[in-house]
C-alpha atoms as a PDB file:
ATOM      1  CA  MET A   1     -71.407 167.733 -72.092  1.00  0.00           C
ATOM      2  CA  LYS A   2     -72.903 167.995 -68.608  1.00  0.00           C
ATOM      3  CA  ASN A   3     -76.068 166.211 -69.732  1.00  0.00           C
ATOM      4  CA  ARG A   4     -73.983 163.418 -71.337  1.00  0.00           C
ATOM      5  CA  GLY A   5     -72.007 162.959 -68.087  1.00  0.00           C
ATOM      6  CA  ALA A   6     -75.181 162.895 -66.015  1.00  0.00           C
ATOM      7  CA  LYS A   7     -76.721 160.279 -68.310  1.00  0.00           C
ATOM      8  CA  THR A   8     -73.573 158.130 -68.085  1.00  0.00           C
ATOM      9  CA  SER A   9     -73.595 158.299 -64.275  1.00  0.00           C
ATOM     10  CA  LEU A  10     -77.279 157.369 -64.228  1.00  0.00           C
ATOM     11  CA  ILE A  11     -76.684 154.339 -66.459  1.00  0.00           C
ATOM     12  CA  ILE A  12     -73.801 153.147 -64.245  1.00  0.00           C
ATOM     13  CA  LEU A  13     -75.958 153.590 -61.128  1.00  0.00           C
ATOM     14  CA  ILE A  14     -78.791 151.556 -62.681  1.00  0.00           C
ATOM     15  CA  LEU A  15     -76.375 148.769 -63.690  1.00  0.00           C
ATOM     16  CA  LEU A  16     -74.959 148.618 -60.168  1.00  0.00           C
ATOM     17  CA  CYS A  17     -78.458 148.304 -58.734  1.00  0.00           C
ATOM     18  CA  LEU A  18     -79.310 145.490 -61.136  1.00  0.00           C
ATOM     19  CA  THR A  19     -76.050 143.603 -60.554  1.00  0.00           C
ATOM     20  CA  PRO A  20     -76.291 140.795 -57.963  1.00  0.00           C
ATOM     21  CA  GLY A  21     -74.258 141.194 -54.830  1.00  0.00           C
ATOM     22  CA  ILE A  22     -70.733 139.826 -55.019  1.00  0.00           C
ATOM     23  CA  SER A  23     -69.297 138.273 -51.892  1.00  0.00           C
ATOM     24  CA  GLY A  24     -65.645 137.467 -51.367  1.00  0.00           C
ATOM     25  CA  ILE A  25     -65.192 134.383 -49.208  1.00  0.00           C
ATOM     26  CA  SER A  26     -61.822 133.105 -48.092  1.00  0.00           C
ATOM     27  CA  ILE A  27     -61.138 129.586 -46.860  1.00  0.00           C
ATOM     28  CA  GLY A  28     -57.781 128.762 -45.398  1.00  0.00           C
ATOM     29  CA  THR A  29     -55.922 126.358 -43.154  1.00  0.00           C
ATOM     30  CA  ALA A  30     -54.008 126.683 -39.938  1.00  0.00           C
ATOM     31  CA  PRO A  31     -51.173 126.099 -40.112  1.00  0.00           C
ATOM     32  CA  GLY A  32     -50.684 126.755 -43.817  1.00  0.00           C
ATOM     33  CA  ILE A  33     -47.582 124.547 -43.904  1.00  0.00           C
ATOM     34  CA  MET A  34     -46.856 121.755 -41.427  1.00  0.00           C
ATOM     35  CA  ASP A  35     -43.435 120.206 -40.877  1.00  0.00           C
ATOM     36  CA  LEU A  36     -43.802 116.618 -39.659  1.00  0.00           C
ATOM     37  CA  GLY A  37     -40.081 116.220 -39.018  1.00  0.00           C
ATOM     38  CA  GLU A  38     -38.096 113.056 -39.722  1.00  0.00           C
ATOM     39  CA  LEU A  39     -40.184 109.907 -40.153  1.00  0.00           C
ATOM     40  CA  THR A  40     -39.291 106.213 -40.137  1.00  0.00           C
ATOM     41  CA  PRO A  41     -40.203 104.037 -43.152  1.00  0.00           C
ATOM     42  CA  GLY A  42     -42.865 101.416 -42.462  1.00  0.00           C
ATOM     43  CA  LYS A  43     -44.747 103.446 -39.837  1.00  0.00           C
ATOM     44  CA  ASP A  44     -47.994 105.442 -39.733  1.00  0.00           C
ATOM     45  CA  TYR A  45     -48.228 109.030 -38.542  1.00  0.00           C
ATOM     46  CA  ALA A  46     -51.386 110.946 -37.610  1.00  0.00           C
ATOM     47  CA  PHE A  47     -51.677 114.730 -37.700  1.00  0.00           C
ATOM     48  CA  ALA A  48     -54.407 117.370 -37.963  1.00  0.00           C
ATOM     49  CA  PHE A  49     -54.951 120.864 -39.312  1.00  0.00           C
ATOM     50  CA  TYR A  50     -57.787 123.366 -38.966  1.00  0.00           C
ATOM     51  CA  LEU A  51     -60.042 125.102 -41.461  1.00  0.00           C
ATOM     52  CA  THR A  52     -60.753 128.836 -41.249  1.00  0.00           C
ATOM     53  CA  THR A  53     -63.136 131.115 -43.147  1.00  0.00           C
ATOM     54  CA  ASN A  54     -64.721 134.565 -43.086  1.00  0.00           C
ATOM     55  CA  SER A  55     -68.088 133.272 -44.317  1.00  0.00           C
ATOM     56  CA  LYS A  56     -71.202 134.221 -42.366  1.00  0.00           C
ATOM     57  CA  THR A  57     -73.106 131.204 -43.706  1.00  0.00           C
ATOM     58  CA  ASP A  58     -72.532 127.458 -43.716  1.00  0.00           C
ATOM     59  CA  ILE A  59     -70.085 126.093 -46.271  1.00  0.00           C
ATOM     60  CA  PHE A  60     -69.584 122.479 -47.277  1.00  0.00           C
ATOM     61  CA  VAL A  61     -66.029 121.490 -48.163  1.00  0.00           C
ATOM     62  CA  THR A  62     -64.530 118.338 -49.650  1.00  0.00           C
ATOM     63  CA  LEU A  63     -60.845 117.473 -49.695  1.00  0.00           C
ATOM     64  CA  ASP A  64     -58.529 116.099 -52.381  1.00  0.00           C
ATOM     65  CA  TYR A  65     -54.846 115.291 -52.434  1.00  0.00           C
ATOM     66  CA  ILE A  66     -52.885 117.318 -55.001  1.00  0.00           C
ATOM     67  CA  ARG A  67     -49.227 117.598 -55.884  1.00  0.00           C
ATOM     68  CA  PRO A  68     -47.433 120.581 -54.339  1.00  0.00           C
ATOM     69  CA  HIS A  69     -46.164 123.412 -56.490  1.00  0.00           C
ATOM     70  CA  ALA A  70     -42.884 122.566 -58.240  1.00  0.00           C
ATOM     71  CA  ASP A  71     -41.315 125.697 -56.700  1.00  0.00           C
ATOM     72  CA  ILE A  72     -40.955 123.910 -53.388  1.00  0.00           C
ATOM     73  CA  TYR A  73     -38.148 121.799 -54.919  1.00  0.00           C
ATOM     74  CA  THR A  74     -36.129 124.873 -55.863  1.00  0.00           C
ATOM     75  CA  ILE A  75     -35.759 126.839 -52.607  1.00  0.00           C
ATOM     76  CA  ASN A  76     -33.987 125.936 -49.360  1.00  0.00           C
ATOM     77  CA  GLN A  77     -36.204 126.529 -46.322  1.00  0.00           C
ATOM     78  CA  SER A  78     -35.136 126.741 -42.697  1.00  0.00           C
ATOM     79  CA  GLY A  79     -37.752 129.047 -41.166  1.00  0.00           C
ATOM     80  CA  ARG A  80     -41.338 127.909 -40.526  1.00  0.00           C
ATOM     81  CA  TYR A  81     -40.348 124.536 -41.940  1.00  0.00           C
ATOM     82  CA  THR A  82     -37.198 122.765 -43.109  1.00  0.00           C
ATOM     83  CA  PHE A  83     -36.823 121.596 -46.690  1.00  0.00           C
ATOM     84  CA  ARG A  84     -33.668 121.013 -48.733  1.00  0.00           C
ATOM     85  CA  PRO A  85     -34.198 120.440 -52.468  1.00  0.00           C
ATOM     86  CA  ASP A  86     -30.772 118.803 -52.870  1.00  0.00           C
ATOM     87  CA  GLU A  87     -32.001 116.070 -50.474  1.00  0.00           C
ATOM     88  CA  ALA A  88     -35.584 115.865 -51.753  1.00  0.00           C
ATOM     89  CA  SER A  89     -37.530 113.104 -53.443  1.00  0.00           C
ATOM     90  CA  GLN A  90     -40.311 113.905 -55.888  1.00  0.00           C
ATOM     91  CA  GLU A  91     -41.958 110.494 -55.677  1.00  0.00           C
ATOM     92  CA  ASP A  92     -45.751 110.477 -55.605  1.00  0.00           C
ATOM     93  CA  VAL A  93     -47.013 110.240 -52.005  1.00  0.00           C
ATOM     94  CA  SER A  94     -50.735 110.396 -52.842  1.00  0.00           C
ATOM     95  CA  ARG A  95     -51.253 106.725 -51.914  1.00  0.00           C
ATOM     96  CA  TRP A  96     -49.608 107.319 -48.564  1.00  0.00           C
ATOM     97  CA  VAL A  97     -52.141 109.953 -47.519  1.00  0.00           C
ATOM     98  CA  GLU A  98     -55.440 109.017 -45.880  1.00  0.00           C
ATOM     99  CA  ILE A  99     -57.807 112.003 -45.728  1.00  0.00           C
ATOM    100  CA  PRO A 100     -61.521 112.284 -44.854  1.00  0.00           C
ATOM    101  CA  ARG A 101     -63.785 111.576 -47.830  1.00  0.00           C
ATOM    102  CA  ASP A 102     -66.953 112.854 -46.184  1.00  0.00           C
ATOM    103  CA  THR A 103     -68.140 116.401 -46.802  1.00  0.00           C
ATOM    104  CA  LEU A 104     -67.095 118.761 -44.006  1.00  0.00           C
ATOM    105  CA  LEU A 105     -69.356 121.488 -42.659  1.00  0.00           C
ATOM    106  CA  LEU A 106     -67.855 124.883 -41.859  1.00  0.00           C
ATOM    107  CA  SER A 107     -70.386 126.738 -39.740  1.00  0.00           C
ATOM    108  CA  PRO A 108     -70.218 130.011 -37.764  1.00  0.00           C
ATOM    109  CA  THR A 109     -72.180 128.207 -35.014  1.00  0.00           C
ATOM    110  CA  ASN A 110     -69.428 125.638 -34.532  1.00  0.00           C
ATOM    111  CA  VAL A 111     -66.325 127.773 -34.081  1.00  0.00           C
ATOM    112  CA  LYS A 112     -63.672 126.692 -31.593  1.00  0.00           C
ATOM    113  CA  VAL A 113     -60.561 128.467 -30.416  1.00  0.00           C
ATOM    114  CA  VAL A 114     -57.676 125.989 -30.561  1.00  0.00           C
ATOM    115  CA  PRO A 115     -53.957 126.356 -29.807  1.00  0.00           C
ATOM    116  CA  LEU A 116     -51.364 125.692 -32.502  1.00  0.00           C
ATOM    117  CA  SER A 117     -48.234 123.659 -31.885  1.00  0.00           C
ATOM    118  CA  THR A 118     -46.214 126.514 -33.396  1.00  0.00           C
ATOM    119  CA  GLY A 119     -47.682 128.957 -30.865  1.00  0.00           C
ATOM    120  CA  GLY A 120     -50.735 131.191 -30.827  1.00  0.00           C
ATOM    121  CA  VAL A 121     -54.383 130.280 -31.288  1.00  0.00           C
ATOM    122  CA  VAL A 122     -56.804 130.139 -34.192  1.00  0.00           C
ATOM    123  CA  LYS A 123     -60.570 130.151 -34.682  1.00  0.00           C
ATOM    124  CA  SER A 124     -61.288 126.728 -36.134  1.00  0.00           C
ATOM    125  CA  TYR A 125     -64.395 126.080 -38.208  1.00  0.00           C
ATOM    126  CA  GLY A 126     -63.453 122.434 -38.678  1.00  0.00           C
ATOM    127  CA  THR A 127     -60.717 119.898 -37.989  1.00  0.00           C
ATOM    128  CA  VAL A 128     -59.147 117.660 -40.635  1.00  0.00           C
ATOM    129  CA  ASN A 129     -57.492 114.483 -39.368  1.00  0.00           C
ATOM    130  CA  VAL A 130     -54.919 112.917 -41.678  1.00  0.00           C
ATOM    131  CA  VAL A 131     -52.967 109.658 -41.485  1.00  0.00           C
ATOM    132  CA  LEU A 132     -49.698 109.296 -43.377  1.00  0.00           C
ATOM    133  CA  HIS A 133     -48.645 105.708 -44.155  1.00  0.00           C
ATOM    134  CA  VAL A 134     -44.919 105.779 -44.921  1.00  0.00           C
ATOM    135  CA  PRO A 135     -44.010 102.585 -46.847  1.00  0.00           C
ATOM    136  CA  THR A 136     -40.926 100.565 -46.058  1.00  0.00           C
ATOM    137  CA  ASN A 137     -39.482 101.297 -49.514  1.00  0.00           C
ATOM    138  CA  ALA A 138     -39.963 105.066 -49.335  1.00  0.00           C
ATOM    139  CA  ASP A 139     -37.157 107.163 -50.791  1.00  0.00           C
ATOM    140  CA  PRO A 140     -34.966 108.768 -48.147  1.00  0.00           C
ATOM    141  CA  GLY A 141     -34.931 112.544 -47.954  1.00  0.00           C
ATOM    142  CA  TYR A 142     -37.449 115.383 -47.926  1.00  0.00           C
ATOM    143  CA  HIS A 143     -40.963 114.930 -49.299  1.00  0.00           C
ATOM    144  CA  ALA A 144     -43.873 117.307 -49.813  1.00  0.00           C
ATOM    145  CA  GLY A 145     -47.610 116.911 -50.285  1.00  0.00           C
ATOM    146  CA  ALA A 146     -50.688 119.131 -50.460  1.00  0.00           C
ATOM    147  CA  ILE A 147     -54.427 118.922 -49.806  1.00  0.00           C
ATOM    148  CA  ALA A 148     -56.896 121.020 -51.806  1.00  0.00           C
ATOM    149  CA  LEU A 149     -60.123 122.520 -50.409  1.00  0.00           C
ATOM    150  CA  ASN A 150     -63.192 122.255 -52.658  1.00  0.00           C
ATOM    151  CA  PRO A 151     -66.123 124.341 -51.351  1.00  0.00           C
ATOM    152  CA  ASP A 152     -69.750 124.339 -52.417  1.00  0.00           C
ATOM    153  CA  ALA A 153     -71.012 127.874 -53.095  1.00  0.00           C
ATOM    154  CA  PRO A 154     -73.338 129.130 -50.339  1.00  0.00           C
ATOM    155  CA  SER A 155     -76.193 131.594 -50.685  1.00  0.00           C
ATOM    156  CA  VAL A 156     -74.887 135.141 -50.468  1.00  0.00           C
ATOM    157  CA  GLY A 157     -76.520 137.245 -47.798  1.00  0.00           C
ATOM    158  CA  GLU A 158     -77.580 136.210 -44.339  1.00  0.00           C
ATOM    159  CA  ALA A 159     -81.229 136.328 -45.421  1.00  0.00           C
ATOM    160  CA  GLY A 160     -80.636 133.956 -48.308  1.00  0.00           C
ATOM    161  CA  GLY A 161     -80.488 136.715 -50.911  1.00  0.00           C
ATOM    162  CA  THR A 162     -79.182 136.156 -54.406  1.00  0.00           C
ATOM    163  CA  GLY A 163     -75.634 136.942 -55.434  1.00  0.00           C
ATOM    164  CA  VAL A 164     -72.310 135.624 -56.611  1.00  0.00           C
ATOM    165  CA  ALA A 165     -69.800 134.051 -54.249  1.00  0.00           C
ATOM    166  CA  THR A 166     -66.122 134.312 -55.155  1.00  0.00           C
ATOM    167  CA  PHE A 167     -63.667 132.153 -53.237  1.00  0.00           C
ATOM    168  CA  GLY A 168     -60.144 132.825 -52.154  1.00  0.00           C
ATOM    169  CA  LEU A 169     -58.642 129.423 -51.394  1.00  0.00           C
ATOM    170  CA  THR A 170     -55.395 128.192 -49.960  1.00  0.00           C
ATOM    171  CA  ARG A 171     -54.058 124.658 -49.994  1.00  0.00           C
ATOM    172  CA  PHE A 172     -52.655 122.844 -46.999  1.00  0.00           C
ATOM    173  CA  ILE A 173     -49.023 121.800 -47.468  1.00  0.00           C
ATOM    174  CA  PHE A 174     -47.101 119.288 -45.393  1.00  0.00           C
ATOM    175  CA  VAL A 175     -43.431 118.356 -45.551  1.00  0.00           C
ATOM    176  CA  PHE A 176     -41.403 115.617 -43.916  1.00  0.00           C
ATOM    177  CA  ARG A 177     -38.102 113.843 -44.188  1.00  0.00           C
ATOM    178  CA  VAL A 178     -37.774 110.085 -44.498  1.00  0.00           C
ATOM    179  CA  ALA A 179     -34.748 108.819 -42.590  1.00  0.00           C
ATOM    180  CA  GLY A 180     -31.751 107.763 -44.671  1.00  0.00           C
ATOM    181  CA  THR A 181     -29.104 109.117 -47.005  1.00  0.00           C
ATOM    182  CA  ALA A 182     -30.681 111.170 -49.786  1.00  0.00           C
ATOM    183  CA  VAL A 183     -28.789 111.601 -53.069  1.00  0.00           C
ATOM    184  CA  ARG A 184     -30.032 113.284 -56.259  1.00  0.00           C
ATOM    185  CA  LYS A 185     -27.791 112.270 -59.141  1.00  0.00           C
ATOM    186  CA  GLY A 186     -28.173 111.086 -62.719  1.00  0.00           C
ATOM    187  CA  GLN A 187     -26.096 109.934 -65.665  1.00  0.00           C
ATOM    188  CA  ILE A 188     -26.624 109.926 -69.442  1.00  0.00           C
ATOM    189  CA  MET A 189     -25.967 106.405 -70.692  1.00  0.00           C
ATOM    190  CA  THR A 190     -26.166 106.895 -74.457  1.00  0.00           C
ATOM    191  CA  VAL A 191     -27.863 108.849 -77.236  1.00  0.00           C
ATOM    192  CA  PHE A 192     -29.139 107.672 -80.628  1.00  0.00           C
ATOM    193  CA  GLY A 193     -31.354 108.907 -83.451  1.00  0.00           C
ATOM    194  CA  THR A 194     -34.561 107.570 -84.985  1.00  0.00           C
ATOM    195  CA  ARG A 195     -35.934 108.712 -88.341  1.00  0.00           C
ATOM    196  CA  MET A 196     -39.685 109.455 -87.974  1.00  0.00           C
ATOM    197  CA  ASP A 197     -40.524 110.739 -91.464  1.00  0.00           C
ATOM    198  CA  ALA A 198     -38.996 112.795 -94.273  1.00  0.00           C
ATOM    199  CA  GLU A 199     -38.809 115.961 -92.142  1.00  0.00           C
ATOM    200  CA  LYS A 200     -38.652 114.623 -88.603  1.00  0.00           C
ATOM    201  CA  ALA A 201     -36.148 112.720 -86.466  1.00  0.00           C
ATOM    202  CA  ARG A 202     -36.209 111.832 -82.800  1.00  0.00           C
ATOM    203  CA  ILE A 203     -33.139 112.073 -80.600  1.00  0.00           C
ATOM    204  CA  ASN A 204     -33.373 109.441 -77.874  1.00  0.00           C
ATOM    205  CA  VAL A 205     -31.402 110.028 -74.675  1.00  0.00           C
ATOM    206  CA  LEU A 206     -31.122 107.161 -72.204  1.00  0.00           C
ATOM    207  CA  PHE A 207     -30.797 108.666 -68.739  1.00  0.00           C
ATOM    208  CA  LYS A 208     -30.280 106.731 -65.503  1.00  0.00           C
ATOM    209  CA  ASN A 209     -31.145 107.891 -62.003  1.00  0.00           C
ATOM    210  CA  THR A 210     -28.011 106.870 -60.099  1.00  0.00           C
ATOM    211  CA  GLY A 211     -29.104 108.394 -56.779  1.00  0.00           C
ATOM    212  CA  THR A 212     -31.520 107.357 -54.028  1.00  0.00           C
ATOM    213  CA  CYS A 213     -34.274 109.924 -54.693  1.00  0.00           C
ATOM    214  CA  THR A 214     -36.973 110.053 -57.367  1.00  0.00           C
ATOM    215  CA  PHE A 215     -36.805 113.228 -59.444  1.00  0.00           C
ATOM    216  CA  GLU A 216     -38.099 114.838 -62.625  1.00  0.00           C
ATOM    217  CA  ALA A 217     -35.604 115.171 -65.464  1.00  0.00           C
ATOM    218  CA  LYS A 218     -35.755 116.848 -68.862  1.00  0.00           C
ATOM    219  CA  ILE A 219     -33.417 117.361 -71.787  1.00  0.00           C
ATOM    220  CA  ASP A 220     -32.039 120.873 -71.427  1.00  0.00           C
ATOM    221  CA  TYR A 221     -30.551 120.812 -74.908  1.00  0.00           C
ATOM    222  CA  VAL A 222     -29.314 118.587 -77.705  1.00  0.00           C
ATOM    223  CA  LYS A 223     -26.873 120.319 -80.035  1.00  0.00           C
ATOM    224  CA  LEU A 224     -26.090 118.583 -83.332  1.00  0.00           C
ATOM    225  CA  TYR A 225     -22.991 119.465 -85.361  1.00  0.00           C
ATOM    226  CA  ASP A 226     -22.227 118.323 -88.919  1.00  0.00           C
ATOM    227  CA  LYS A 227     -18.862 116.946 -90.079  1.00  0.00           C
ATOM    228  CA  TYR A 228     -17.581 120.498 -90.608  1.00  0.00           C
ATOM    229  CA  GLY A 229     -18.374 121.529 -87.030  1.00  0.00           C
ATOM    230  CA  ASN A 230     -21.380 123.643 -87.968  1.00  0.00           C
ATOM    231  CA  LEU A 231     -24.298 123.708 -85.541  1.00  0.00           C
ATOM    232  CA  VAL A 232     -27.282 122.368 -87.519  1.00  0.00           C
ATOM    233  CA  ALA A 233     -29.802 121.888 -84.688  1.00  0.00           C
ATOM    234  CA  ASN A 234     -30.289 123.127 -81.130  1.00  0.00           C
ATOM    235  CA  LEU A 235     -33.127 121.103 -79.607  1.00  0.00           C
ATOM    236  CA  ILE A 236     -34.901 121.093 -76.235  1.00  0.00           C
ATOM    237  CA  GLY A 237     -36.629 118.262 -74.423  1.00  0.00           C
ATOM    238  CA  ALA A 238     -40.182 117.283 -75.220  1.00  0.00           C
ATOM    239  CA  GLU A 239     -41.319 116.578 -71.646  1.00  0.00           C
ATOM    240  CA  ASN A 240     -40.373 116.061 -68.018  1.00  0.00           C
ATOM    241  CA  ARG A 241     -40.052 112.464 -66.877  1.00  0.00           C
ATOM    242  CA  LEU A 242     -40.339 111.253 -63.293  1.00  0.00           C
ATOM    243  CA  ILE A 243     -37.503 108.763 -62.806  1.00  0.00           C
ATOM    244  CA  LYS A 244     -37.098 106.411 -59.850  1.00  0.00           C
ATOM    245  CA  PRO A 245     -33.722 105.396 -58.351  1.00  0.00           C
ATOM    246  CA  ASN A 246     -31.803 102.960 -60.606  1.00  0.00           C
ATOM    247  CA  GLU A 247     -34.385 103.424 -63.379  1.00  0.00           C
ATOM    248  CA  ILE A 248     -33.288 104.118 -66.958  1.00  0.00           C
ATOM    249  CA  ALA A 249     -35.709 106.371 -68.829  1.00  0.00           C
ATOM    250  CA  THR A 250     -35.807 107.501 -72.447  1.00  0.00           C
ATOM    251  CA  LEU A 251     -35.932 111.278 -72.833  1.00  0.00           C
ATOM    252  CA  ASN A 252     -36.799 112.634 -76.249  1.00  0.00           C
ATOM    253  CA  ALA A 253     -36.076 115.703 -78.328  1.00  0.00           C
ATOM    254  CA  TYR A 254     -37.380 116.198 -81.864  1.00  0.00           C
ATOM    255  CA  TRP A 255     -35.593 117.609 -84.903  1.00  0.00           C
ATOM    256  CA  THR A 256     -38.029 118.849 -87.540  1.00  0.00           C
ATOM    257  CA  GLY A 257     -37.727 120.713 -90.800  1.00  0.00           C
ATOM    258  CA  LYS A 258     -36.488 120.360 -94.355  1.00  0.00           C
ATOM    259  CA  ASN A 259     -32.867 120.285 -93.138  1.00  0.00           C
ATOM    260  CA  VAL A 260     -33.320 116.917 -91.384  1.00  0.00           C
ATOM    261  CA  THR A 261     -30.900 114.987 -93.528  1.00  0.00           C
ATOM    262  CA  GLY A 262     -29.311 111.618 -92.944  1.00  0.00           C
ATOM    263  CA  GLY A 263     -25.750 111.386 -91.769  1.00  0.00           C
ATOM    264  CA  SER A 264     -23.434 111.286 -88.792  1.00  0.00           C
ATOM    265  CA  TYR A 265     -23.588 114.159 -86.310  1.00  0.00           C
ATOM    266  CA  ARG A 266     -21.705 115.066 -83.166  1.00  0.00           C
ATOM    267  CA  ALA A 267     -24.213 115.473 -80.347  1.00  0.00           C
ATOM    268  CA  GLU A 268     -23.768 117.526 -77.178  1.00  0.00           C
ATOM    269  CA  VAL A 269     -26.489 116.658 -74.662  1.00  0.00           C
ATOM    270  CA  ARG A 270     -27.417 118.055 -71.267  1.00  0.00           C
ATOM    271  CA  VAL A 271     -30.151 116.679 -69.001  1.00  0.00           C
ATOM    272  CA  CYS A 272     -31.204 118.680 -65.930  1.00  0.00           C
ATOM    273  CA  TYR A 273     -33.199 117.742 -62.824  1.00  0.00           C
ATOM    274  CA  VAL A 274     -33.612 121.006 -60.821  1.00  0.00           C
ATOM    275  CA  THR A 275     -30.701 120.389 -58.442  1.00  0.00           C
ATOM    276  CA  GLY A 276     -28.164 119.237 -61.002  1.00  0.00           C
ATOM    277  CA  CYS A 277     -27.324 118.441 -64.621  1.00  0.00           C
ATOM    278  CA  ALA A 278     -25.552 115.681 -66.536  1.00  0.00           C
ATOM    279  CA  THR A 279     -23.731 116.166 -69.840  1.00  0.00           C
ATOM    280  CA  PHE A 280     -22.771 113.760 -72.603  1.00  0.00           C
ATOM    281  CA  GLU A 281     -21.107 113.865 -76.008  1.00  0.00           C
ATOM    282  CA  ASP A 282     -21.161 111.229 -78.745  1.00  0.00           C
ATOM    283  CA  LYS A 283     -21.892 110.615 -82.414  1.00  0.00           C
ATOM    284  CA  VAL A 284     -25.502 110.242 -83.544  1.00  0.00           C
ATOM    285  CA  GLU A 285     -26.504 108.566 -86.795  1.00  0.00           C
ATOM    286  CA  ILE A 286     -29.642 109.791 -88.575  1.00  0.00           C
ATOM    287  CA  SER A 287     -30.823 107.359 -91.233  1.00  0.00           C
ATOM    288  CA  ASP A 288     -32.489 108.290 -94.507  1.00  0.00           C
ATOM    289  CA  ILE A 289     -34.784 105.292 -94.018  1.00  0.00           C
ATOM    290  CA  ILE A 290     -37.867 105.670 -91.827  1.00  0.00           C
ATOM    291  CA  ASN A 291     -37.348 103.392 -88.824  1.00  0.00           C
ATOM    292  CA  ILE A 292     -40.927 103.188 -87.596  1.00  0.00           C
ATOM    293  CA  GLU A 293     -42.908 100.431 -89.341  1.00  0.00           C
ATOM    294  CA  PRO A 294     -46.719 100.213 -89.318  1.00  0.00           C
ATOM    295  CA  LYS A 295     -48.105  97.614 -86.927  1.00  0.00           C
ATOM    296  CA  PRO A 296     -49.994  94.677 -88.498  1.00  0.00           C
ATOM    297  CA  LEU A 297     -53.727  94.521 -87.862  1.00  0.00           C
ATOM    298  CA  LEU A 298     -53.503  90.895 -86.691  1.00  0.00           C
ATOM    299  CA  PRO A 299     -50.507  89.306 -85.026  1.00  0.00           C
ATOM    300  CA  ASN A 300     -48.826  86.432 -86.846  1.00  0.00           C
ATOM    301  CA  VAL A 301     -49.391  83.935 -84.069  1.00  0.00           C
ATOM    302  CA  GLU A 302     -48.555  80.274 -84.563  1.00  0.00           C
ATOM    303  CA  VAL A 303     -49.775  77.325 -82.491  1.00  0.00           C
ATOM    304  CA  SER A 304     -47.615  74.228 -82.801  1.00  0.00           C
ATOM    305  CA  GLY A 305     -46.237  75.600 -86.074  1.00  0.00           C
ATOM    306  CA  ILE A 306     -49.715  76.281 -87.612  1.00  0.00           C
ATOM    307  CA  PRO A 307     -50.512  79.942 -88.429  1.00  0.00           C
ATOM    308  CA  TRP A 308     -53.328  81.497 -86.421  1.00  0.00           C
ATOM    309  CA  MET A 309     -55.331  82.433 -89.533  1.00  0.00           C
ATOM    310  CA  THR A 310     -55.197  78.833 -90.759  1.00  0.00           C
ATOM    311  CA  ILE A 311     -56.629  77.574 -87.449  1.00  0.00           C
ATOM    312  CA  LEU A 312     -59.443  80.147 -87.642  1.00  0.00           C
ATOM    313  CA  LEU A 313     -60.300  79.085 -91.206  1.00  0.00           C
ATOM    314  CA  ILE A 314     -60.436  75.403 -90.195  1.00  0.00           C
ATOM    315  CA  LEU A 315     -62.789  76.198 -87.310  1.00  0.00           C
ATOM    316  CA  ILE A 316     -65.123  78.138 -89.629  1.00  0.00           C
ATOM    317  CA  ILE A 317     -65.242  75.194 -92.095  1.00  0.00           C
ATOM    318  CA  ILE A 318     -66.018  72.734 -89.265  1.00  0.00           C
ATOM    319  CA  ILE A 319     -68.888  74.927 -88.019  1.00  0.00           C
ATOM    320  CA  LEU A 320     -70.348  75.257 -91.528  1.00  0.00           C
ATOM    321  CA  LEU A 321     -70.177  71.480 -92.133  1.00  0.00           C
ATOM    322  CA  TYR A 322     -71.797  70.819 -88.768  1.00  0.00           C
ATOM    323  CA  TYR A 323     -74.838  73.005 -89.558  1.00  0.00           C
ATOM    324  CA  TYR A 324     -75.016  71.650 -93.122  1.00  0.00           C
ATOM    325  CA  TYR A 325     -75.269  67.986 -92.084  1.00  0.00           C
ATOM    326  CA  ARG A 326     -77.502  68.869 -89.137  1.00  0.00           C
ATOM    327  CA  GLY A 327     -79.928  70.474 -91.587  1.00  0.00           C
ATOM    328  CA  GLU A 328     -80.083  67.297 -93.658  1.00  0.00           C
ATOM    329  CA  ASP A 329     -81.074  65.268 -90.595  1.00  0.00           C
END
């Protein structure tokens, strides 16, 4: 037993010696979250944040805009930054953000100590300057955006030795509020059914954003009851949809199985959008006839009352006659 344990320890020691060095490198931002305050539509705003790292070698970093985590729209914040989900818009702000497209160098030889507006100082390995162009038609209310850091792997070891670099990355998050009254509210307009095939039907829910903020909405449930009051289907939404103010979107849920039979059903529907829900109740008709028809390969287009295929045939005949008589000449 002792010999077996000694052999095992020796094998582990040899494997450790043969394994390349593994280096853990962290790259972060200061501050991690920046609150830009209340902004006016139609104006540009410039701000900057700093890059930090524990790397002993040079690192090249590129930047990309990314959407913030969805969790930010679920929690009220009043500490390091202010953010109220019930007054938040989820509209895409990627086109508003102007970030450097050149590769940035993070080098230990170019470290600066800079003060932060929130207090304290930080060792900066690089500065990122951003311009936010707030359009005149921006939704009122709170907005959030994020910028991702994409590093190139450096050589591990100050002498250029071989190894594996593992990165611990953070994303820079910024929040702001566009001036104006922010309202998150929606209404279900109607619901109807569409037969897809013998064992599948689609429940279509028309949902309108009646507020002033863009938000994501999804069918929470569609409950179908037969004429005896029995629950025959309890469906959930197929996807989230981003809906702009005053826009009417179709949200879908699918009923599948051998029990998808035609008839009239009582439908209870609920659509939710993080900070609220809308409910609706109505009858839904499911047909026994498949509603979706195959699309024709060629459209039946008419020009001055003449079918498109007839015009094409005439042109082909004219071309053939032209080459025939030209050959005789």
